[in-house]
Amino acid sequence: MNIRTATKADMAQIFQLEQAAFGEHCYPDFLFRQWLDLSPSLLLVAEAESTDESACSERNSAFLGYVVGSLGEVKAQGWVLSLAVTESARGKGVGKALLEQFIARATSMGCKQLRLTVHPDNRALHLYHSCGFRFESAEADYFGPNEPRQVLVRVKPCEE
């Protein structure tokens, strides 16, 4: 697996996965393009190694997932805004690799504290916990009525 900074050529695949993963709560396609312009080092994609024939057997199947985030007005604070992995690549370490690389890049930019929001039933909670994210607060209607989210904060490095 290769993790790299996204390019304009990745935008369609990123948005397609964003829609599939988050449905009505997905970010609009133009926002990913703007993130690419504003903070390209915090928009990462994972792709299968070219020697992995099983992962590259279909059109666009080399694309495995993405992560995007931002540093706040106070650069020591940042957010993981979206992380998604293709259904066929879930459970294979892609999300953790993306998150670890994102954390490393944000840290190198001076970020000392990262936050994210997650639905309480999201299967990725274990991933976030393994990378040092801990419960900070809950909001019952984060995205609107009956749309609960937990806010997690990270204050330590990923566990090996």
N, C-alpha and C. Protein backbone atom coordinates (compact mmCIF):
# COMPACT_ATOMS: atom_id res chain seq x y z
N MET A 1 0.84 -1.17 0.00
CA MET A 1 0.00 0.00 0.00
C MET A 1 0.89 1.24 0.00
N ASN A 2 0.44 2.23 -0.74
CA ASN A 2 1.14 3.50 -0.83
C ASN A 2 0.20 4.61 -0.35
N ILE A 3 0.70 5.47 0.53
CA ILE A 3 -0.07 6.63 0.98
C ILE A 3 0.65 7.86 0.47
N ARG A 4 -0.10 8.73 -0.18
CA ARG A 4 0.49 9.91 -0.79
C ARG A 4 -0.49 11.08 -0.70
N THR A 5 0.02 12.26 -0.99
CA THR A 5 -0.80 13.45 -1.07
C THR A 5 -1.73 13.31 -2.27
N ALA A 6 -2.97 13.69 -2.10
CA ALA A 6 -3.93 13.61 -3.19
C ALA A 6 -3.58 14.60 -4.31
N THR A 7 -4.09 14.31 -5.49
CA THR A 7 -3.93 15.20 -6.64
C THR A 7 -5.32 15.47 -7.23
N LYS A 8 -5.37 16.39 -8.19
CA LYS A 8 -6.65 16.67 -8.86
C LYS A 8 -7.22 15.40 -9.50
N ALA A 9 -6.36 14.53 -9.95
CA ALA A 9 -6.82 13.29 -10.60
C ALA A 9 -7.55 12.36 -9.63
N ASP A 10 -7.38 12.56 -8.33
CA ASP A 10 -8.02 11.71 -7.32
C ASP A 10 -9.41 12.21 -6.91
N MET A 11 -9.76 13.42 -7.30
CA MET A 11 -10.97 14.05 -6.78
C MET A 11 -12.24 13.24 -7.01
N ALA A 12 -12.42 12.67 -8.20
CA ALA A 12 -13.64 11.91 -8.49
C ALA A 12 -13.75 10.68 -7.59
N GLN A 13 -12.64 9.96 -7.40
CA GLN A 13 -12.67 8.77 -6.56
C GLN A 13 -12.89 9.12 -5.09
N ILE A 14 -12.28 10.21 -4.64
CA ILE A 14 -12.47 10.64 -3.26
C ILE A 14 -13.94 10.96 -3.02
N PHE A 15 -14.53 11.73 -3.92
CA PHE A 15 -15.93 12.12 -3.73
C PHE A 15 -16.87 10.92 -3.85
N GLN A 16 -16.59 10.02 -4.76
CA GLN A 16 -17.42 8.82 -4.89
C GLN A 16 -17.41 8.01 -3.59
N LEU A 17 -16.24 7.85 -3.00
CA LEU A 17 -16.15 7.12 -1.73
C LEU A 17 -16.81 7.91 -0.60
N GLU A 18 -16.63 9.21 -0.58
CA GLU A 18 -17.27 10.06 0.43
C GLU A 18 -18.79 9.86 0.39
N GLN A 19 -19.37 9.88 -0.80
CA GLN A 19 -20.82 9.69 -0.95
C GLN A 19 -21.24 8.31 -0.46
N ALA A 20 -20.49 7.29 -0.85
CA ALA A 20 -20.83 5.92 -0.46
C ALA A 20 -20.73 5.73 1.05
N ALA A 21 -19.74 6.35 1.66
CA ALA A 21 -19.52 6.15 3.09
C ALA A 21 -20.44 6.99 3.97
N PHE A 22 -20.77 8.20 3.53
CA PHE A 22 -21.47 9.13 4.42
C PHE A 22 -22.84 9.60 3.93
N GLY A 23 -23.27 9.14 2.77
CA GLY A 23 -24.61 9.44 2.29
C GLY A 23 -24.96 10.92 2.35
N GLU A 24 -26.09 11.22 2.98
CA GLU A 24 -26.57 12.61 3.01
C GLU A 24 -25.68 13.54 3.81
N HIS A 25 -24.79 13.00 4.62
CA HIS A 25 -23.88 13.84 5.40
C HIS A 25 -22.51 14.00 4.74
N CYS A 26 -22.41 13.65 3.46
CA CYS A 26 -21.11 13.76 2.80
C CYS A 26 -20.79 15.22 2.49
N TYR A 27 -19.49 15.48 2.45
CA TYR A 27 -19.03 16.80 2.04
C TYR A 27 -19.25 16.94 0.54
N PRO A 28 -19.52 18.15 0.04
CA PRO A 28 -19.68 18.34 -1.41
C PRO A 28 -18.35 18.19 -2.14
N ASP A 29 -18.43 17.79 -3.40
CA ASP A 29 -17.22 17.53 -4.18
C ASP A 29 -16.28 18.74 -4.25
N PHE A 30 -16.83 19.94 -4.39
CA PHE A 30 -15.97 21.11 -4.52
C PHE A 30 -15.15 21.37 -3.26
N LEU A 31 -15.63 20.91 -2.12
CA LEU A 31 -14.89 21.15 -0.88
C LEU A 31 -13.57 20.38 -0.87
N PHE A 32 -13.58 19.16 -1.42
CA PHE A 32 -12.33 18.40 -1.50
C PHE A 32 -11.33 19.12 -2.39
N ARG A 33 -11.82 19.69 -3.49
CA ARG A 33 -10.94 20.44 -4.38
C ARG A 33 -10.36 21.65 -3.67
N GLN A 34 -11.17 22.32 -2.85
CA GLN A 34 -10.67 23.47 -2.11
C GLN A 34 -9.68 23.06 -1.03
N TRP A 35 -9.93 21.92 -0.37
CA TRP A 35 -8.95 21.42 0.60
C TRP A 35 -7.62 21.15 -0.09
N LEU A 36 -7.69 20.61 -1.29
CA LEU A 36 -6.46 20.34 -2.05
C LEU A 36 -5.68 21.64 -2.28
N ASP A 37 -6.39 22.72 -2.56
CA ASP A 37 -5.73 24.01 -2.78
C ASP A 37 -5.20 24.61 -1.47
N LEU A 38 -5.98 24.50 -0.40
CA LEU A 38 -5.64 25.17 0.86
C LEU A 38 -4.60 24.43 1.69
N SER A 39 -4.71 23.12 1.74
CA SER A 39 -3.82 22.35 2.62
C SER A 39 -3.58 20.96 2.02
N PRO A 40 -2.87 20.90 0.92
CA PRO A 40 -2.70 19.62 0.22
C PRO A 40 -2.01 18.54 1.05
N SER A 41 -1.16 18.91 1.97
CA SER A 41 -0.45 17.88 2.75
C SER A 41 -1.36 17.18 3.75
N LEU A 42 -2.59 17.69 3.95
CA LEU A 42 -3.53 17.05 4.87
C LEU A 42 -4.72 16.42 4.13
N LEU A 43 -4.54 16.16 2.85
CA LEU A 43 -5.51 15.38 2.05
C LEU A 43 -4.72 14.24 1.43
N LEU A 44 -4.87 13.06 2.02
CA LEU A 44 -4.06 11.90 1.65
C LEU A 44 -4.92 10.81 1.05
N VAL A 45 -4.34 10.04 0.15
CA VAL A 45 -5.02 8.87 -0.40
C VAL A 45 -4.15 7.64 -0.21
N ALA A 46 -4.83 6.52 -0.11
CA ALA A 46 -4.13 5.22 -0.06
C ALA A 46 -4.46 4.49 -1.35
N GLU A 47 -3.46 3.84 -1.89
CA GLU A 47 -3.67 3.07 -3.11
C GLU A 47 -2.90 1.76 -3.00
N ALA A 48 -3.39 0.77 -3.70
CA ALA A 48 -2.74 -0.53 -3.70
C ALA A 48 -1.42 -0.42 -4.46
N GLU A 49 -0.43 -1.17 -4.01
CA GLU A 49 0.83 -1.24 -4.74
C GLU A 49 0.54 -1.82 -6.12
N SER A 50 1.26 -1.36 -7.10
CA SER A 50 1.00 -1.81 -8.47
C SER A 50 1.23 -3.30 -8.66
N THR A 51 1.99 -3.94 -7.77
CA THR A 51 2.23 -5.38 -7.88
C THR A 51 1.09 -6.20 -7.29
N ASP A 52 0.14 -5.55 -6.61
CA ASP A 52 -0.98 -6.25 -5.99
C ASP A 52 -2.09 -6.44 -7.03
N GLU A 53 -2.00 -7.53 -7.80
CA GLU A 53 -2.93 -7.76 -8.90
C GLU A 53 -4.37 -7.89 -8.44
N SER A 54 -4.63 -8.50 -7.30
CA SER A 54 -6.00 -8.68 -6.83
C SER A 54 -6.65 -7.34 -6.51
N ALA A 55 -5.88 -6.40 -6.00
CA ALA A 55 -6.45 -5.09 -5.66
C ALA A 55 -6.61 -4.21 -6.89
N CYS A 56 -5.88 -4.51 -7.95
CA CYS A 56 -5.91 -3.67 -9.14
C CYS A 56 -6.68 -4.31 -10.29
N SER A 57 -7.48 -5.31 -10.01
CA SER A 57 -8.14 -6.05 -11.08
C SER A 57 -9.29 -5.30 -11.72
N GLU A 58 -9.89 -4.34 -11.03
CA GLU A 58 -11.01 -3.59 -11.59
C GLU A 58 -10.59 -2.15 -11.83
N ARG A 59 -11.35 -1.45 -12.69
CA ARG A 59 -11.12 -0.04 -12.94
C ARG A 59 -11.24 0.72 -11.62
N ASN A 60 -10.29 1.60 -11.33
CA ASN A 60 -10.26 2.43 -10.13
C ASN A 60 -10.07 1.64 -8.84
N SER A 61 -9.81 0.34 -8.91
CA SER A 61 -9.71 -0.44 -7.68
C SER A 61 -8.39 -0.23 -6.96
N ALA A 62 -7.41 0.43 -7.58
CA ALA A 62 -6.16 0.71 -6.88
C ALA A 62 -6.38 1.73 -5.77
N PHE A 63 -7.42 2.52 -5.87
CA PHE A 63 -7.76 3.51 -4.86
C PHE A 63 -8.39 2.79 -3.67
N LEU A 64 -7.81 2.98 -2.47
CA LEU A 64 -8.28 2.25 -1.29
C LEU A 64 -8.98 3.14 -0.26
N GLY A 65 -8.66 4.43 -0.24
CA GLY A 65 -9.29 5.30 0.74
C GLY A 65 -8.62 6.65 0.80
N TYR A 66 -9.12 7.50 1.68
CA TYR A 66 -8.59 8.84 1.84
C TYR A 66 -8.80 9.31 3.28
N VAL A 67 -8.08 10.35 3.64
CA VAL A 67 -8.29 11.07 4.89
C VAL A 67 -8.04 12.55 4.59
N VAL A 68 -8.83 13.39 5.23
CA VAL A 68 -8.64 14.83 5.08
C VAL A 68 -8.87 15.49 6.44
N GLY A 69 -8.13 16.53 6.68
CA GLY A 69 -8.30 17.27 7.91
C GLY A 69 -7.76 18.67 7.77
N SER A 70 -7.76 19.37 8.87
CA SER A 70 -7.35 20.76 8.84
C SER A 70 -6.79 21.16 10.20
N LEU A 71 -5.90 22.12 10.17
CA LEU A 71 -5.44 22.73 11.41
C LEU A 71 -6.36 23.90 11.68
N GLY A 72 -6.55 24.19 12.95
CA GLY A 72 -7.43 25.28 13.33
C GLY A 72 -6.73 26.62 13.28
N GLU A 73 -7.45 27.64 13.70
CA GLU A 73 -6.87 28.98 13.77
C GLU A 73 -5.66 28.96 14.69
N VAL A 74 -5.79 28.19 15.77
CA VAL A 74 -4.64 27.91 16.64
C VAL A 74 -4.01 26.65 16.06
N LYS A 75 -2.83 26.79 15.45
CA LYS A 75 -2.22 25.68 14.70
C LYS A 75 -1.94 24.43 15.53
N ALA A 76 -1.89 24.58 16.84
CA ALA A 76 -1.64 23.42 17.69
C ALA A 76 -2.87 22.53 17.81
N GLN A 77 -4.00 22.97 17.26
CA GLN A 77 -5.23 22.18 17.30
C GLN A 77 -5.69 21.89 15.88
N GLY A 78 -6.12 20.66 15.66
CA GLY A 78 -6.58 20.29 14.33
C GLY A 78 -7.72 19.31 14.39
N TRP A 79 -8.26 19.02 13.24
CA TRP A 79 -9.39 18.10 13.10
C TRP A 79 -9.15 17.11 11.98
N VAL A 80 -9.52 15.87 12.22
CA VAL A 80 -9.68 14.88 11.16
C VAL A 80 -11.12 15.07 10.71
N LEU A 81 -11.32 15.50 9.48
CA LEU A 81 -12.65 15.85 9.01
C LEU A 81 -13.36 14.70 8.30
N SER A 82 -12.62 13.85 7.64
CA SER A 82 -13.24 12.71 6.97
C SER A 82 -12.19 11.65 6.69
N LEU A 83 -12.55 10.42 6.93
CA LEU A 83 -11.69 9.27 6.64
C LEU A 83 -12.61 8.18 6.14
N ALA A 84 -12.29 7.62 4.98
CA ALA A 84 -13.11 6.53 4.44
C ALA A 84 -12.21 5.56 3.69
N VAL A 85 -12.60 4.30 3.76
CA VAL A 85 -11.88 3.21 3.10
C VAL A 85 -12.89 2.44 2.26
N THR A 86 -12.48 2.04 1.07
CA THR A 86 -13.38 1.27 0.22
C THR A 86 -13.83 0.01 0.95
N GLU A 87 -15.01 -0.44 0.64
CA GLU A 87 -15.57 -1.60 1.34
C GLU A 87 -14.65 -2.82 1.23
N SER A 88 -14.08 -3.04 0.06
CA SER A 88 -13.22 -4.22 -0.13
C SER A 88 -11.90 -4.15 0.64
N ALA A 89 -11.50 -2.95 1.06
CA ALA A 89 -10.23 -2.79 1.77
C ALA A 89 -10.40 -2.64 3.28
N ARG A 90 -11.63 -2.63 3.76
CA ARG A 90 -11.85 -2.45 5.20
C ARG A 90 -11.32 -3.64 5.99
N GLY A 91 -10.80 -3.35 7.18
CA GLY A 91 -10.28 -4.39 8.05
C GLY A 91 -8.89 -4.86 7.67
N LYS A 92 -8.22 -4.17 6.74
CA LYS A 92 -6.91 -4.58 6.27
C LYS A 92 -5.81 -3.59 6.63
N GLY A 93 -6.10 -2.67 7.54
CA GLY A 93 -5.09 -1.73 8.00
C GLY A 93 -4.98 -0.44 7.20
N VAL A 94 -5.83 -0.27 6.21
CA VAL A 94 -5.76 0.93 5.38
C VAL A 94 -6.13 2.18 6.18
N GLY A 95 -7.21 2.11 6.92
CA GLY A 95 -7.64 3.25 7.72
C GLY A 95 -6.59 3.65 8.74
N LYS A 96 -6.00 2.67 9.40
CA LYS A 96 -4.97 2.97 10.40
C LYS A 96 -3.75 3.60 9.75
N ALA A 97 -3.34 3.09 8.60
CA ALA A 97 -2.18 3.65 7.91
C ALA A 97 -2.45 5.10 7.48
N LEU A 98 -3.65 5.35 6.97
CA LEU A 98 -4.01 6.72 6.60
C LEU A 98 -4.01 7.64 7.82
N LEU A 99 -4.62 7.17 8.89
CA LEU A 99 -4.71 7.99 10.10
C LEU A 99 -3.33 8.25 10.70
N GLU A 100 -2.48 7.24 10.74
CA GLU A 100 -1.13 7.43 11.27
C GLU A 100 -0.35 8.45 10.45
N GLN A 101 -0.48 8.35 9.12
CA GLN A 101 0.24 9.30 8.25
C GLN A 101 -0.32 10.71 8.43
N PHE A 102 -1.64 10.82 8.56
CA PHE A 102 -2.25 12.13 8.80
C PHE A 102 -1.73 12.72 10.12
N ILE A 103 -1.72 11.91 11.17
CA ILE A 103 -1.23 12.37 12.48
C ILE A 103 0.22 12.84 12.37
N ALA A 104 1.04 12.08 11.68
CA ALA A 104 2.45 12.44 11.53
C ALA A 104 2.59 13.78 10.80
N ARG A 105 1.82 13.96 9.75
CA ARG A 105 1.91 15.23 9.00
C ARG A 105 1.41 16.40 9.83
N ALA A 106 0.28 16.22 10.49
CA ALA A 106 -0.27 17.30 11.32
C ALA A 106 0.70 17.65 12.44
N THR A 107 1.29 16.63 13.05
CA THR A 107 2.25 16.85 14.13
C THR A 107 3.46 17.62 13.62
N SER A 108 3.94 17.27 12.43
CA SER A 108 5.10 17.97 11.87
C SER A 108 4.79 19.43 11.55
N MET A 109 3.50 19.76 11.45
CA MET A 109 3.08 21.13 11.19
C MET A 109 2.80 21.89 12.50
N GLY A 110 3.09 21.24 13.63
CA GLY A 110 2.93 21.90 14.92
C GLY A 110 1.65 21.55 15.67
N CYS A 111 0.86 20.64 15.14
CA CYS A 111 -0.39 20.25 15.80
C CYS A 111 -0.08 19.34 16.99
N LYS A 112 -0.63 19.69 18.13
CA LYS A 112 -0.42 18.91 19.34
C LYS A 112 -1.69 18.19 19.79
N GLN A 113 -2.83 18.58 19.26
CA GLN A 113 -4.09 18.00 19.68
C GLN A 113 -5.02 17.87 18.47
N LEU A 114 -5.51 16.67 18.23
CA LEU A 114 -6.43 16.43 17.12
C LEU A 114 -7.78 15.99 17.65
N ARG A 115 -8.82 16.40 16.96
CA ARG A 115 -10.18 15.97 17.29
C ARG A 115 -10.83 15.39 16.05
N LEU A 116 -11.88 14.63 16.28
CA LEU A 116 -12.73 14.14 15.21
C LEU A 116 -14.10 13.87 15.80
N THR A 117 -15.10 13.75 14.93
CA THR A 117 -16.42 13.34 15.38
C THR A 117 -16.73 12.00 14.75
N VAL A 118 -17.50 11.20 15.48
CA VAL A 118 -17.84 9.86 15.01
C VAL A 118 -19.21 9.47 15.58
N HIS A 119 -19.98 8.79 14.76
CA HIS A 119 -21.27 8.27 15.25
C HIS A 119 -20.95 7.21 16.30
N PRO A 120 -21.73 7.16 17.39
CA PRO A 120 -21.44 6.20 18.47
C PRO A 120 -21.45 4.73 18.03
N ASP A 121 -22.12 4.42 16.93
CA ASP A 121 -22.18 3.04 16.44
C ASP A 121 -21.18 2.74 15.33
N ASN A 122 -20.33 3.68 15.00
CA ASN A 122 -19.39 3.51 13.90
C ASN A 122 -18.37 2.43 14.23
N ARG A 123 -18.17 1.50 13.31
CA ARG A 123 -17.20 0.41 13.51
C ARG A 123 -15.77 0.92 13.64
N ALA A 124 -15.51 2.15 13.20
CA ALA A 124 -14.15 2.69 13.24
C ALA A 124 -13.74 3.19 14.62
N LEU A 125 -14.64 3.15 15.60
CA LEU A 125 -14.28 3.60 16.95
C LEU A 125 -13.03 2.90 17.47
N HIS A 126 -12.92 1.60 17.24
CA HIS A 126 -11.73 0.87 17.71
C HIS A 126 -10.46 1.39 17.05
N LEU A 127 -10.55 1.77 15.79
CA LEU A 127 -9.40 2.35 15.09
C LEU A 127 -8.97 3.64 15.77
N TYR A 128 -9.93 4.52 16.03
CA TYR A 128 -9.61 5.80 16.65
C TYR A 128 -9.02 5.60 18.04
N HIS A 129 -9.58 4.68 18.80
CA HIS A 129 -9.03 4.41 20.14
C HIS A 129 -7.61 3.86 20.06
N SER A 130 -7.34 2.99 19.08
CA SER A 130 -6.00 2.42 18.96
C SER A 130 -4.97 3.47 18.57
N CYS A 131 -5.42 4.58 18.02
CA CYS A 131 -4.51 5.66 17.64
C CYS A 131 -4.52 6.80 18.64
N GLY A 132 -4.99 6.52 19.85
CA GLY A 132 -4.87 7.48 20.92
C GLY A 132 -6.02 8.45 21.08
N PHE A 133 -7.08 8.31 20.30
CA PHE A 133 -8.24 9.18 20.46
C PHE A 133 -9.09 8.69 21.62
N ARG A 134 -9.55 9.62 22.43
CA ARG A 134 -10.37 9.29 23.59
C ARG A 134 -11.61 10.17 23.61
N PHE A 135 -12.66 9.66 24.22
CA PHE A 135 -13.92 10.38 24.33
C PHE A 135 -13.72 11.72 25.01
N GLU A 136 -14.24 12.77 24.41
CA GLU A 136 -14.20 14.10 25.03
C GLU A 136 -15.60 14.57 25.38
N SER A 137 -16.54 14.39 24.45
CA SER A 137 -17.91 14.84 24.70
C SER A 137 -18.85 14.15 23.72
N ALA A 138 -20.15 14.33 23.96
CA ALA A 138 -21.17 13.78 23.06
C ALA A 138 -22.16 14.89 22.76
N GLU A 139 -22.69 14.84 21.56
CA GLU A 139 -23.71 15.79 21.15
C GLU A 139 -24.82 15.02 20.46
N ALA A 140 -26.01 15.08 21.03
CA ALA A 140 -27.13 14.27 20.55
C ALA A 140 -27.58 14.63 19.14
N ASP A 141 -27.49 15.88 18.77
CA ASP A 141 -28.01 16.33 17.47
C ASP A 141 -26.93 17.06 16.67
N TYR A 142 -25.76 16.47 16.57
CA TYR A 142 -24.61 17.12 15.95
C TYR A 142 -24.91 17.61 14.53
N PHE A 143 -25.49 16.73 13.71
CA PHE A 143 -25.83 17.08 12.33
C PHE A 143 -27.30 17.41 12.16
N GLY A 144 -28.05 17.40 13.24
CA GLY A 144 -29.49 17.63 13.19
C GLY A 144 -30.18 16.63 14.09
N PRO A 145 -31.50 16.66 14.12
CA PRO A 145 -32.25 15.75 15.00
C PRO A 145 -31.86 14.28 14.81
N ASN A 146 -31.65 13.61 15.91
CA ASN A 146 -31.31 12.18 15.93
C ASN A 146 -30.03 11.84 15.17
N GLU A 147 -29.08 12.75 15.17
CA GLU A 147 -27.78 12.52 14.53
C GLU A 147 -26.67 12.69 15.56
N PRO A 148 -26.57 11.72 16.49
CA PRO A 148 -25.58 11.85 17.56
C PRO A 148 -24.15 11.67 17.06
N ARG A 149 -23.24 12.36 17.70
CA ARG A 149 -21.83 12.19 17.42
C ARG A 149 -21.06 12.30 18.73
N GLN A 150 -19.97 11.55 18.77
CA GLN A 150 -19.01 11.70 19.86
C GLN A 150 -17.86 12.54 19.34
N VAL A 151 -17.36 13.42 20.17
CA VAL A 151 -16.15 14.15 19.84
C VAL A 151 -15.02 13.43 20.55
N LEU A 152 -14.02 13.03 19.78
CA LEU A 152 -12.85 12.35 20.34
C LEU A 152 -11.65 13.28 20.22
N VAL A 153 -10.76 13.19 21.15
CA VAL A 153 -9.54 13.99 21.14
C VAL A 153 -8.34 13.06 21.28
N ARG A 154 -7.28 13.38 20.58
CA ARG A 154 -6.06 12.57 20.61
C ARG A 154 -4.95 13.36 21.29
N VAL A 155 -4.35 12.70 22.25
CA VAL A 155 -3.25 13.36 22.98
C VAL A 155 -2.02 12.44 23.09
N LYS A 156 -2.03 11.30 22.40
CA LYS A 156 -0.86 10.42 22.43
C LYS A 156 -0.71 9.73 21.09
N PRO A 157 0.47 9.18 20.79
CA PRO A 157 0.70 8.55 19.49
C PRO A 157 -0.03 7.21 19.35
N CYS A 158 -0.13 6.75 18.12
CA CYS A 158 -0.74 5.45 17.86
C CYS A 158 0.03 4.34 18.56
N GLU A 159 -0.71 3.34 19.02
CA GLU A 159 -0.09 2.16 19.64
C GLU A 159 0.39 1.23 18.54
N GLU A 160 1.45 0.59 18.79
CA GLU A 160 1.98 -0.38 17.80
C GLU A 160 1.21 -1.68 17.86
